[in-house]
Amino acid sequence: MIEITDAAAAELKMILEKEKKNDHRLRIFAAGMGCSGIQYGLSLEESPGAEDDVQESNGIKIIFSKDLQDEISELKIDYIDNHNAKGFIIDNPDMQCGSGCGSCG
């Protein structure tokens, strides 16, 4: 099941309210491939499509394509705001960096 942390949920709820999109959902989508597998993106959408699945975590409705369900079953979405960075972090513990990768820590 997809997990949205308290920090991410609070930020998303603030964004939805600020943009007057309280009826929207958070879409998770495949945004390309990297050395550790699928890279994910986030967007706000009003309603799911016929090929979508819907979940809820921490008060946030989440939509995603049914064909991503197995790949994102353990996904965790967090939000950080510190002196080094500010933004959402999408962590998939099922994906590990491939051999020879120079961009991962």
C-alpha atoms as a PDB file:
ATOM      1  CA  MET A   1       0.000   0.000   0.000  1.00  0.00           C
ATOM      2  CA  ILE A   2       1.196   3.485  -0.840  1.00  0.00           C
ATOM      3  CA  GLU A   3       2.097   5.560   2.216  1.00  0.00           C
ATOM      4  CA  ILE A   4       1.871   9.334   2.434  1.00  0.00           C
ATOM      5  CA  THR A   5       3.654  10.671   5.502  1.00  0.00           C
ATOM      6  CA  ASP A   6       2.113  13.249   7.836  1.00  0.00           C
ATOM      7  CA  ALA A   7       4.433  15.939   6.444  1.00  0.00           C
ATOM      8  CA  ALA A   8       3.542  15.137   2.822  1.00  0.00           C
ATOM      9  CA  ALA A   9      -0.183  14.974   3.603  1.00  0.00           C
ATOM     10  CA  ALA A  10      -0.088  18.357   5.351  1.00  0.00           C
ATOM     11  CA  GLU A  11       1.734  19.970   2.408  1.00  0.00           C
ATOM     12  CA  LEU A  12      -0.597  18.375  -0.151  1.00  0.00           C
ATOM     13  CA  LYS A  13      -3.688  19.509   1.767  1.00  0.00           C
ATOM     14  CA  MET A  14      -2.275  23.042   1.890  1.00  0.00           C
ATOM     15  CA  ILE A  15      -1.605  23.002  -1.870  1.00  0.00           C
ATOM     16  CA  LEU A  16      -5.087  21.654  -2.633  1.00  0.00           C
ATOM     17  CA  GLU A  17      -6.687  24.353  -0.509  1.00  0.00           C
ATOM     18  CA  LYS A  18      -4.478  27.149  -1.862  1.00  0.00           C
ATOM     19  CA  GLU A  19      -5.208  26.164  -5.473  1.00  0.00           C
ATOM     20  CA  LYS A  20      -8.911  25.601  -4.682  1.00  0.00           C
ATOM     21  CA  LYS A  21      -8.629  21.977  -5.817  1.00  0.00           C
ATOM     22  CA  ASN A  22     -10.044  20.209  -2.755  1.00  0.00           C
ATOM     23  CA  ASP A  23     -11.891  17.791  -5.065  1.00  0.00           C
ATOM     24  CA  HIS A  24      -8.653  16.692  -6.795  1.00  0.00           C
ATOM     25  CA  ARG A  25      -6.532  13.619  -6.208  1.00  0.00           C
ATOM     26  CA  LEU A  26      -2.808  13.003  -6.285  1.00  0.00           C
ATOM     27  CA  ARG A  27      -1.725  11.117  -9.407  1.00  0.00           C
ATOM     28  CA  ILE A  28       1.433   9.011  -9.325  1.00  0.00           C
ATOM     29  CA  PHE A  29       2.822   8.289 -12.785  1.00  0.00           C
ATOM     30  CA  ALA A  30       5.872   6.749 -14.435  1.00  0.00           C
ATOM     31  CA  ALA A  31       8.083   9.629 -15.558  1.00  0.00           C
ATOM     32  CA  GLY A  32      10.953   7.670 -17.124  1.00  0.00           C
ATOM     33  CA  MET A  33      13.612   5.148 -16.265  1.00  0.00           C
ATOM     34  CA  GLY A  34      16.764   5.506 -14.206  1.00  0.00           C
ATOM     35  CA  CYS A  35      19.476   3.157 -12.982  1.00  0.00           C
ATOM     36  CA  SER A  36      17.215   2.023 -10.147  1.00  0.00           C
ATOM     37  CA  GLY A  37      14.145   1.474 -12.317  1.00  0.00           C
ATOM     38  CA  ILE A  38      11.060   3.580 -12.811  1.00  0.00           C
ATOM     39  CA  GLN A  39      11.234   7.261 -11.910  1.00  0.00           C
ATOM     40  CA  TYR A  40       7.934   8.676 -10.655  1.00  0.00           C
ATOM     41  CA  GLY A  41       6.128  11.971 -10.993  1.00  0.00           C
ATOM     42  CA  LEU A  42       3.210  13.581  -9.182  1.00  0.00           C
ATOM     43  CA  SER A  43       0.331  15.700 -10.437  1.00  0.00           C
ATOM     44  CA  LEU A  44      -3.137  16.754  -9.316  1.00  0.00           C
ATOM     45  CA  GLU A  45      -6.141  15.440 -11.214  1.00  0.00           C
ATOM     46  CA  GLU A  46      -9.861  15.829 -10.737  1.00  0.00           C
ATOM     47  CA  SER A  47     -10.941  12.251 -11.383  1.00  0.00           C
ATOM     48  CA  PRO A  48      -9.519   8.824 -12.217  1.00  0.00           C
ATOM     49  CA  GLY A  49      -9.728   7.300 -15.664  1.00  0.00           C
ATOM     50  CA  ALA A  50     -11.085   3.889 -16.634  1.00  0.00           C
ATOM     51  CA  GLU A  51      -7.613   2.296 -16.395  1.00  0.00           C
ATOM     52  CA  ASP A  52      -6.830   3.778 -12.971  1.00  0.00           C
ATOM     53  CA  ASP A  53      -6.879   2.417  -9.462  1.00  0.00           C
ATOM     54  CA  VAL A  54      -7.636   4.563  -6.395  1.00  0.00           C
ATOM     55  CA  GLN A  55      -6.234   4.364  -2.863  1.00  0.00           C
ATOM     56  CA  GLU A  56      -6.202   6.675   0.119  1.00  0.00           C
ATOM     57  CA  SER A  57      -3.431   7.388   2.585  1.00  0.00           C
ATOM     58  CA  ASN A  58      -3.418   9.927   5.392  1.00  0.00           C
ATOM     59  CA  GLY A  59      -6.515  11.652   4.022  1.00  0.00           C
ATOM     60  CA  ILE A  60      -5.123  12.012   0.489  1.00  0.00           C
ATOM     61  CA  LYS A  61      -6.813  10.228  -2.414  1.00  0.00           C
ATOM     62  CA  ILE A  62      -4.256   8.714  -4.776  1.00  0.00           C
ATOM     63  CA  ILE A  63      -4.789   7.607  -8.375  1.00  0.00           C
ATOM     64  CA  PHE A  64      -2.450   5.619 -10.573  1.00  0.00           C
ATOM     65  CA  SER A  65      -2.547   3.412 -13.632  1.00  0.00           C
ATOM     66  CA  LYS A  66      -3.480  -0.181 -12.781  1.00  0.00           C
ATOM     67  CA  ASP A  67      -0.415  -1.438 -14.667  1.00  0.00           C
ATOM     68  CA  LEU A  68       1.826   0.324 -12.093  1.00  0.00           C
ATOM     69  CA  GLN A  69       0.153  -1.333  -9.101  1.00  0.00           C
ATOM     70  CA  ASP A  70       2.829  -3.994  -8.493  1.00  0.00           C
ATOM     71  CA  GLU A  71       5.712  -1.531  -8.908  1.00  0.00           C
ATOM     72  CA  ILE A  72       4.357   1.040  -6.452  1.00  0.00           C
ATOM     73  CA  SER A  73       2.820  -1.175  -3.784  1.00  0.00           C
ATOM     74  CA  GLU A  74       5.463  -0.148  -1.188  1.00  0.00           C
ATOM     75  CA  LEU A  75       5.898   3.459  -2.341  1.00  0.00           C
ATOM     76  CA  LYS A  76       6.353   6.132   0.337  1.00  0.00           C
ATOM     77  CA  ILE A  77       5.812   9.826  -0.363  1.00  0.00           C
ATOM     78  CA  ASP A  78       7.384  12.262   2.076  1.00  0.00           C
ATOM     79  CA  TYR A  79       7.948  16.015   2.182  1.00  0.00           C
ATOM     80  CA  ILE A  80      11.074  17.760   3.391  1.00  0.00           C
ATOM     81  CA  ASP A  81      11.690  21.427   4.101  1.00  0.00           C
ATOM     82  CA  ASN A  82      15.136  22.243   5.450  1.00  0.00           C
ATOM     83  CA  HIS A  83      18.131  24.443   4.641  1.00  0.00           C
ATOM     84  CA  ASN A  84      19.309  22.013   1.933  1.00  0.00           C
ATOM     85  CA  ALA A  85      16.079  21.164   0.114  1.00  0.00           C
ATOM     86  CA  LYS A  86      12.334  21.587  -0.064  1.00  0.00           C
ATOM     87  CA  GLY A  87       9.981  19.237  -1.852  1.00  0.00           C
ATOM     88  CA  PHE A  88       8.389  15.844  -2.152  1.00  0.00           C
ATOM     89  CA  ILE A  89      10.453  12.678  -2.013  1.00  0.00           C
ATOM     90  CA  ILE A  90       9.187   9.478  -3.590  1.00  0.00           C
ATOM     91  CA  ASP A  91      10.848   6.407  -2.131  1.00  0.00           C
ATOM     92  CA  ASN A  92      10.373   2.914  -3.504  1.00  0.00           C
ATOM     93  CA  PRO A  93      12.237   0.393  -1.319  1.00  0.00           C
ATOM     94  CA  ASP A  94      11.736  -2.298  -3.978  1.00  0.00           C
ATOM     95  CA  MET A  95      14.048  -0.428  -6.370  1.00  0.00           C
ATOM     96  CA  GLN A  96      17.795  -0.601  -5.848  1.00  0.00           C
ATOM     97  CA  CYS A  97      20.495   1.238  -7.749  1.00  0.00           C
ATOM     98  CA  GLY A  98      22.002  -0.781 -10.573  1.00  0.00           C
ATOM     99  CA  SER A  99      25.671  -1.713 -10.849  1.00  0.00           C
ATOM    100  CA  GLY A 100      27.984   0.906 -12.278  1.00  0.00           C
ATOM    101  CA  CYS A 101      25.748   3.798 -11.332  1.00  0.00           C
ATOM    102  CA  GLY A 102      27.676   6.956 -10.550  1.00  0.00           C
ATOM    103  CA  SER A 103      24.752   9.122  -9.531  1.00  0.00           C
ATOM    104  CA  CYS A 104      23.472   7.275  -6.483  1.00  0.00           C
ATOM    105  CA  GLY A 105      24.827   7.690  -2.957  1.00  0.00           C
END
